[in-house]
Amino acid sequence: MGTQHVLIVDDRPTNQNIFAKLTSALDPEIEVKTCGDPRAALTLIDAWTPDLIIVDYSMPEMNGAEFTREVRRRPATHEVPIVVITAYDDRDFRLSALEAGATDFLQSPVDRREFQSRARALLAFRRQQLTVQSRAEEYETQARTSTLAAELFGDAGGAVLSQVLDGIPVMIAATDRDGRCLFVNAHQAAISRHAPSALVGTRIADMFGPERGRRDREADARVLVGGRPIPAYEDQIEHDGVRLVYLTHKAPLRGPAGEVIGVLTSAVDITARKRAETHLHHM
């Protein structure tokens, strides 16, 4: 499955040792690094990208929220799961960490089982996240044909548009009035586990189960009948055993004469945000 890397940032050596042992016990292939100075940790991740970061909130010089914000500013670690450890009554601290980009929270003193359960789930999520990114990058290098893009923008414009859409970490698909795929970007193809060209002409929504297919068709019908975008809504997808939450937008797809020829769907992965909000609510 490949080595995964975990960074533990805590100014107390005892906590570093405990968290490192708990993490290493999850899998012998996990590499754990510890750091007592958050600024030194930031220097470390400039040259080494972890798959999970566990950080204590209450540290001198830089707290967990400030550290999280700095981590999120770096492109390589922008999406890496971050668990912030806070005291029982530190709700305001958890809110500040959430706003900074924290993925999850643990309450101090940390329960061993809860620590390992959260760490295991987030490492699985990160593995799935990297798999999707890898597939998307692979599909970006493959030759793509988009009849719809060429028709609307010309051959050259269609090629440029495809490159732009493939570079966005958002699922994007255009379907005709019957729900069949006209165009799909690399990220959508990666989630669907098929090359973009293989998805053209298919009903993508049905690949994620009949219930999701039904919901998707109902949303498409509202767009086609109303001729305007519908409010964004949350949707869920099971992918490689991990439940992903997406914020989905749907709008009319119009032809050269302005007529509605289908539906344009975009979906942003908000799984990490929803996880953090859920645990914050229950704390």
Protein backbone atom coordinates (compact mmCIF):
# COMPACT_ATOMS: atom_id res chain seq x y z
CA MET A 1 0.00 0.00 0.00
CA GLY A 2 3.04 2.30 0.34
CA THR A 3 4.45 4.27 3.23
CA GLN A 4 2.35 7.00 4.79
CA HIS A 5 3.88 9.86 6.74
CA VAL A 6 2.59 11.42 9.95
CA LEU A 7 3.84 14.57 11.63
CA ILE A 8 3.19 15.18 15.34
CA VAL A 9 3.70 18.72 16.64
CA ASP A 10 3.61 19.16 20.41
CA ASP A 11 5.93 21.09 22.72
CA ARG A 12 5.75 18.33 25.35
CA PRO A 13 8.12 15.38 24.68
CA THR A 14 5.90 12.99 26.64
CA ASN A 15 2.95 13.67 24.34
CA GLN A 16 5.19 13.34 21.29
CA ASN A 17 6.25 9.85 22.42
CA ILE A 18 2.73 8.70 23.27
CA PHE A 19 1.19 9.92 20.00
CA ALA A 20 4.08 8.51 17.97
CA LYS A 21 3.66 5.06 19.52
CA LEU A 22 -0.11 5.08 18.99
CA THR A 23 0.34 6.09 15.36
CA SER A 24 3.11 3.58 14.63
CA ALA A 25 0.91 0.80 16.05
CA LEU A 26 -1.61 1.37 13.24
CA ASP A 27 0.71 0.08 10.53
CA PRO A 28 4.41 -0.87 10.51
CA GLU A 29 4.86 1.08 7.26
CA ILE A 30 3.78 4.40 8.76
CA GLU A 31 6.67 6.83 9.16
CA VAL A 32 6.25 9.16 12.14
CA LYS A 33 8.17 12.37 12.75
CA THR A 34 7.80 14.52 15.86
CA CYS A 35 8.56 18.16 16.41
CA GLY A 36 8.37 20.29 19.55
CA ASP A 37 8.67 23.63 17.76
CA PRO A 38 5.88 24.57 15.31
CA ARG A 39 8.19 26.86 13.35
CA ALA A 40 10.67 24.03 12.92
CA ALA A 41 7.76 21.83 11.83
CA LEU A 42 6.87 24.32 9.09
CA THR A 43 10.45 24.23 7.86
CA LEU A 44 10.29 20.43 7.88
CA ILE A 45 7.16 20.20 5.73
CA ASP A 46 8.70 22.50 3.14
CA ALA A 47 10.89 19.52 2.20
CA TRP A 48 8.74 16.60 3.42
CA THR A 49 5.01 16.26 2.86
CA PRO A 50 3.11 14.36 5.57
CA ASP A 51 -0.17 12.52 4.97
CA LEU A 52 -1.51 13.51 8.38
CA ILE A 53 -0.59 16.23 10.88
CA ILE A 54 -1.48 16.05 14.58
CA VAL A 55 -0.89 19.30 16.43
CA ASP A 56 -1.52 20.53 19.97
CA TYR A 57 -3.38 23.83 20.20
CA SER A 58 -1.66 25.28 23.25
CA MET A 59 1.97 25.84 22.29
CA PRO A 60 4.23 28.83 23.02
CA GLU A 61 5.06 31.29 20.22
CA MET A 62 2.54 29.75 17.76
CA ASN A 63 -0.74 28.06 18.67
CA GLY A 64 -2.43 25.24 16.76
CA ALA A 65 -4.71 27.54 14.76
CA GLU A 66 -1.82 29.74 13.61
CA PHE A 67 0.20 26.67 12.70
CA THR A 68 -2.74 25.20 10.74
CA ARG A 69 -3.16 28.46 8.84
CA GLU A 70 0.51 28.41 7.84
CA VAL A 71 0.26 24.79 6.71
CA ARG A 72 -2.77 25.59 4.54
CA ARG A 73 -0.85 28.38 2.80
CA ARG A 74 1.59 25.85 1.37
CA PRO A 75 0.38 24.21 -1.88
CA ALA A 76 1.87 20.81 -1.01
CA THR A 77 -0.01 20.61 2.30
CA HIS A 78 -3.14 22.56 1.43
CA GLU A 79 -5.31 19.42 1.62
CA VAL A 80 -3.39 17.34 4.17
CA PRO A 81 -5.68 16.32 7.09
CA ILE A 82 -4.88 18.18 10.32
CA VAL A 83 -6.05 17.07 13.76
CA VAL A 84 -5.92 19.72 16.49
CA ILE A 85 -5.82 18.63 20.14
CA THR A 86 -7.61 20.95 22.55
CA ALA A 87 -8.75 20.93 26.18
CA TYR A 88 -12.33 20.04 27.09
CA ASP A 89 -13.62 23.60 27.49
CA ASP A 90 -11.70 25.19 24.63
CA ARG A 91 -14.65 25.64 22.24
CA ASP A 92 -13.43 29.07 21.13
CA PHE A 93 -10.04 27.57 20.36
CA ARG A 94 -11.66 24.82 18.29
CA LEU A 95 -13.64 27.43 16.35
CA SER A 96 -10.47 29.35 15.54
CA ALA A 97 -8.75 26.13 14.46
CA LEU A 98 -11.72 25.23 12.24
CA GLU A 99 -11.59 28.63 10.59
CA ALA A 100 -7.86 28.13 10.01
CA GLY A 101 -8.50 24.84 8.19
CA ALA A 102 -8.44 22.05 10.79
CA THR A 103 -9.91 18.75 9.63
CA ASP A 104 -10.68 17.16 12.99
CA PHE A 105 -10.31 17.62 16.73
CA LEU A 106 -9.29 15.48 19.69
CA GLN A 107 -10.00 16.29 23.29
CA SER A 108 -7.21 16.32 25.86
CA PRO A 109 -6.48 14.07 27.65
CA VAL A 110 -6.60 11.96 24.51
CA ASP A 111 -8.35 8.59 24.53
CA ARG A 112 -6.12 5.93 22.92
CA ARG A 113 -8.89 4.23 20.94
CA GLU A 114 -10.35 7.49 19.70
CA PHE A 115 -6.91 8.71 18.65
CA GLN A 116 -6.22 5.59 16.61
CA SER A 117 -9.71 5.52 15.11
CA ARG A 118 -9.48 9.12 13.93
CA ALA A 119 -5.93 8.71 12.65
CA ARG A 120 -6.80 5.50 10.77
CA ALA A 121 -9.85 7.11 9.12
CA LEU A 122 -7.96 10.23 8.08
CA LEU A 123 -5.04 8.26 6.65
CA ALA A 124 -7.52 6.22 4.59
CA PHE A 125 -9.12 9.46 3.44
CA ARG A 126 -5.72 10.87 2.48
CA ARG A 127 -4.80 7.72 0.55
CA GLN A 128 -8.08 7.92 -1.37
CA GLN A 129 -7.51 11.65 -1.97
CA LEU A 130 -4.07 11.02 -3.47
CA THR A 131 -5.42 8.17 -5.60
CA VAL A 132 -8.00 10.48 -7.14
CA GLN A 133 -5.36 13.15 -7.77
CA SER A 134 -3.09 10.60 -9.42
CA ARG A 135 -5.87 9.35 -11.68
CA ALA A 136 -6.80 12.89 -12.62
CA GLU A 137 -3.20 13.71 -13.53
CA GLU A 138 -3.03 10.55 -15.62
CA TYR A 139 -6.20 11.43 -17.48
CA GLU A 140 -4.92 14.96 -18.11
CA THR A 141 -2.06 13.50 -20.15
CA GLN A 142 -4.35 11.38 -22.30
CA ALA A 143 -5.86 12.57 -25.55
CA ARG A 144 -9.37 13.95 -24.96
CA THR A 145 -12.16 14.68 -27.41
CA SER A 146 -15.04 16.95 -26.57
CA THR A 147 -17.63 17.33 -29.31
CA LEU A 148 -19.56 19.81 -27.16
CA ALA A 149 -16.56 22.03 -26.44
CA ALA A 150 -15.52 22.06 -30.08
CA GLU A 151 -19.08 22.88 -31.15
CA LEU A 152 -19.41 25.78 -28.72
CA PHE A 153 -15.88 27.20 -28.80
CA GLY A 154 -14.25 25.76 -31.93
CA ASP A 155 -11.55 23.09 -32.03
CA ALA A 156 -8.82 25.32 -30.57
CA GLY A 157 -11.12 26.80 -27.94
CA GLY A 158 -12.37 23.35 -26.99
CA ALA A 159 -8.83 22.11 -26.42
CA VAL A 160 -7.95 25.10 -24.25
CA LEU A 161 -11.18 24.79 -22.28
CA SER A 162 -10.51 21.10 -21.62
CA GLN A 163 -7.06 21.89 -20.24
CA VAL A 164 -8.46 24.58 -17.95
CA LEU A 165 -11.25 22.36 -16.61
CA ASP A 166 -8.90 19.41 -16.10
CA GLY A 167 -6.67 21.56 -13.92
CA ILE A 168 -9.47 22.32 -11.44
CA PRO A 169 -9.84 19.96 -8.41
CA VAL A 170 -13.62 19.99 -8.84
CA MET A 171 -15.88 17.42 -10.50
CA ILE A 172 -17.31 18.99 -13.66
CA ALA A 173 -19.64 17.31 -16.14
CA ALA A 174 -21.97 18.42 -18.92
CA THR A 175 -24.93 16.20 -19.80
CA ASP A 176 -27.57 16.42 -22.51
CA ARG A 177 -31.31 16.59 -21.90
CA ASP A 178 -31.43 12.81 -21.57
CA GLY A 179 -28.74 12.79 -18.88
CA ARG A 180 -25.98 11.41 -21.09
CA CYS A 181 -22.47 12.74 -20.69
CA LEU A 182 -21.24 15.28 -23.23
CA PHE A 183 -18.10 16.33 -21.40
CA VAL A 184 -16.34 15.34 -18.19
CA ASN A 185 -13.17 16.74 -16.65
CA ALA A 186 -10.27 14.70 -15.27
CA HIS A 187 -11.33 14.96 -11.62
CA GLN A 188 -14.83 13.65 -12.34
CA ALA A 189 -13.34 10.84 -14.42
CA ALA A 190 -10.95 9.91 -11.60
CA ILE A 191 -13.81 9.63 -9.10
CA SER A 192 -15.76 7.55 -11.64
CA ARG A 193 -12.71 5.28 -12.25
CA HIS A 194 -13.00 5.63 -16.04
CA ALA A 195 -11.10 7.59 -18.67
CA PRO A 196 -12.95 10.75 -19.78
CA SER A 197 -13.50 9.43 -23.30
CA ALA A 198 -15.13 6.26 -21.91
CA LEU A 199 -17.71 8.32 -20.01
CA VAL A 200 -19.00 10.28 -22.99
CA GLY A 201 -22.48 9.02 -23.83
CA THR A 202 -23.01 7.33 -20.45
CA ARG A 203 -25.17 8.33 -17.48
CA ILE A 204 -22.47 9.17 -14.93
CA ALA A 205 -24.80 9.54 -11.95
CA ASP A 206 -25.92 5.90 -12.24
CA MET A 207 -22.34 4.76 -11.61
CA PHE A 208 -22.71 5.77 -7.96
CA GLY A 209 -25.85 3.72 -7.34
CA PRO A 210 -29.55 3.95 -8.23
CA GLU A 211 -30.47 6.25 -5.34
CA ARG A 212 -27.89 8.87 -6.24
CA GLY A 213 -28.81 8.48 -9.91
CA ARG A 214 -32.44 9.23 -9.05
CA ARG A 215 -31.52 12.33 -7.03
CA ASP A 216 -29.30 13.56 -9.81
CA ARG A 217 -31.99 13.14 -12.48
CA GLU A 218 -34.52 14.97 -10.30
CA ALA A 219 -32.11 17.89 -9.88
CA ASP A 220 -31.40 17.93 -13.63
CA ALA A 221 -35.14 18.03 -14.35
CA ARG A 222 -35.53 21.12 -12.19
CA VAL A 223 -32.79 22.87 -14.16
CA LEU A 224 -34.22 21.83 -17.54
CA VAL A 225 -37.77 22.85 -16.66
CA GLY A 226 -36.87 26.13 -14.97
CA GLY A 227 -34.08 27.09 -17.35
CA ARG A 228 -31.99 28.51 -14.50
CA PRO A 229 -29.55 27.32 -11.83
CA ILE A 230 -30.88 25.63 -8.72
CA PRO A 231 -29.56 26.24 -5.17
CA ALA A 232 -26.40 24.34 -4.27
CA TYR A 233 -26.98 21.17 -2.26
CA GLU A 234 -24.89 18.56 -0.45
CA ASP A 235 -24.50 15.08 -1.89
CA GLN A 236 -22.57 11.99 -0.83
CA ILE A 237 -20.51 9.46 -2.78
CA GLU A 238 -18.96 6.20 -1.59
CA HIS A 239 -15.47 5.90 -3.08
CA ASP A 240 -12.99 3.13 -2.18
CA GLY A 241 -14.78 2.61 1.13
CA VAL A 242 -14.64 6.31 2.06
CA ARG A 243 -17.76 8.47 2.18
CA LEU A 244 -17.16 11.78 0.42
CA VAL A 245 -19.38 14.84 0.78
CA TYR A 246 -19.74 17.24 -2.14
CA LEU A 247 -21.37 20.64 -2.51
CA THR A 248 -23.09 20.34 -5.89
CA HIS A 249 -24.09 23.13 -8.25
CA LYS A 250 -26.28 22.68 -11.34
CA ALA A 251 -26.99 25.22 -14.08
CA PRO A 252 -28.42 25.16 -17.60
CA LEU A 253 -26.05 24.30 -20.43
CA ARG A 254 -26.91 26.47 -23.41
CA GLY A 255 -26.19 25.99 -27.09
CA PRO A 256 -24.96 28.62 -29.58
CA ALA A 257 -28.46 30.10 -29.96
CA GLY A 258 -29.02 30.31 -26.20
CA GLU A 259 -31.32 27.29 -26.03
CA VAL A 260 -31.02 24.89 -23.07
CA ILE A 261 -29.33 21.77 -24.40
CA GLY A 262 -28.46 20.10 -21.10
CA VAL A 263 -27.11 20.57 -17.58
CA LEU A 264 -23.71 21.70 -16.35
CA THR A 265 -22.81 20.14 -12.98
CA SER A 266 -19.91 21.05 -10.72
CA ALA A 267 -19.22 19.48 -7.33
CA VAL A 268 -16.68 20.62 -4.72
CA ASP A 269 -15.32 18.13 -2.17
CA ILE A 270 -16.22 19.43 1.32
CA THR A 271 -15.59 16.16 3.17
CA ALA A 272 -12.84 17.53 5.41
CA ARG A 273 -14.88 20.60 6.29
CA LYS A 274 -17.97 18.55 7.16
CA ARG A 275 -15.89 16.20 9.32
CA ALA A 276 -14.50 19.10 11.32
CA GLU A 277 -17.92 20.73 11.70
CA THR A 278 -19.46 17.46 12.88
CA HIS A 279 -16.88 16.83 15.59
CA LEU A 280 -16.96 20.46 16.67
CA HIS A 281 -20.74 20.26 17.08
CA HIS A 282 -20.48 17.19 19.32
CA MET A 283 -17.78 18.63 21.54
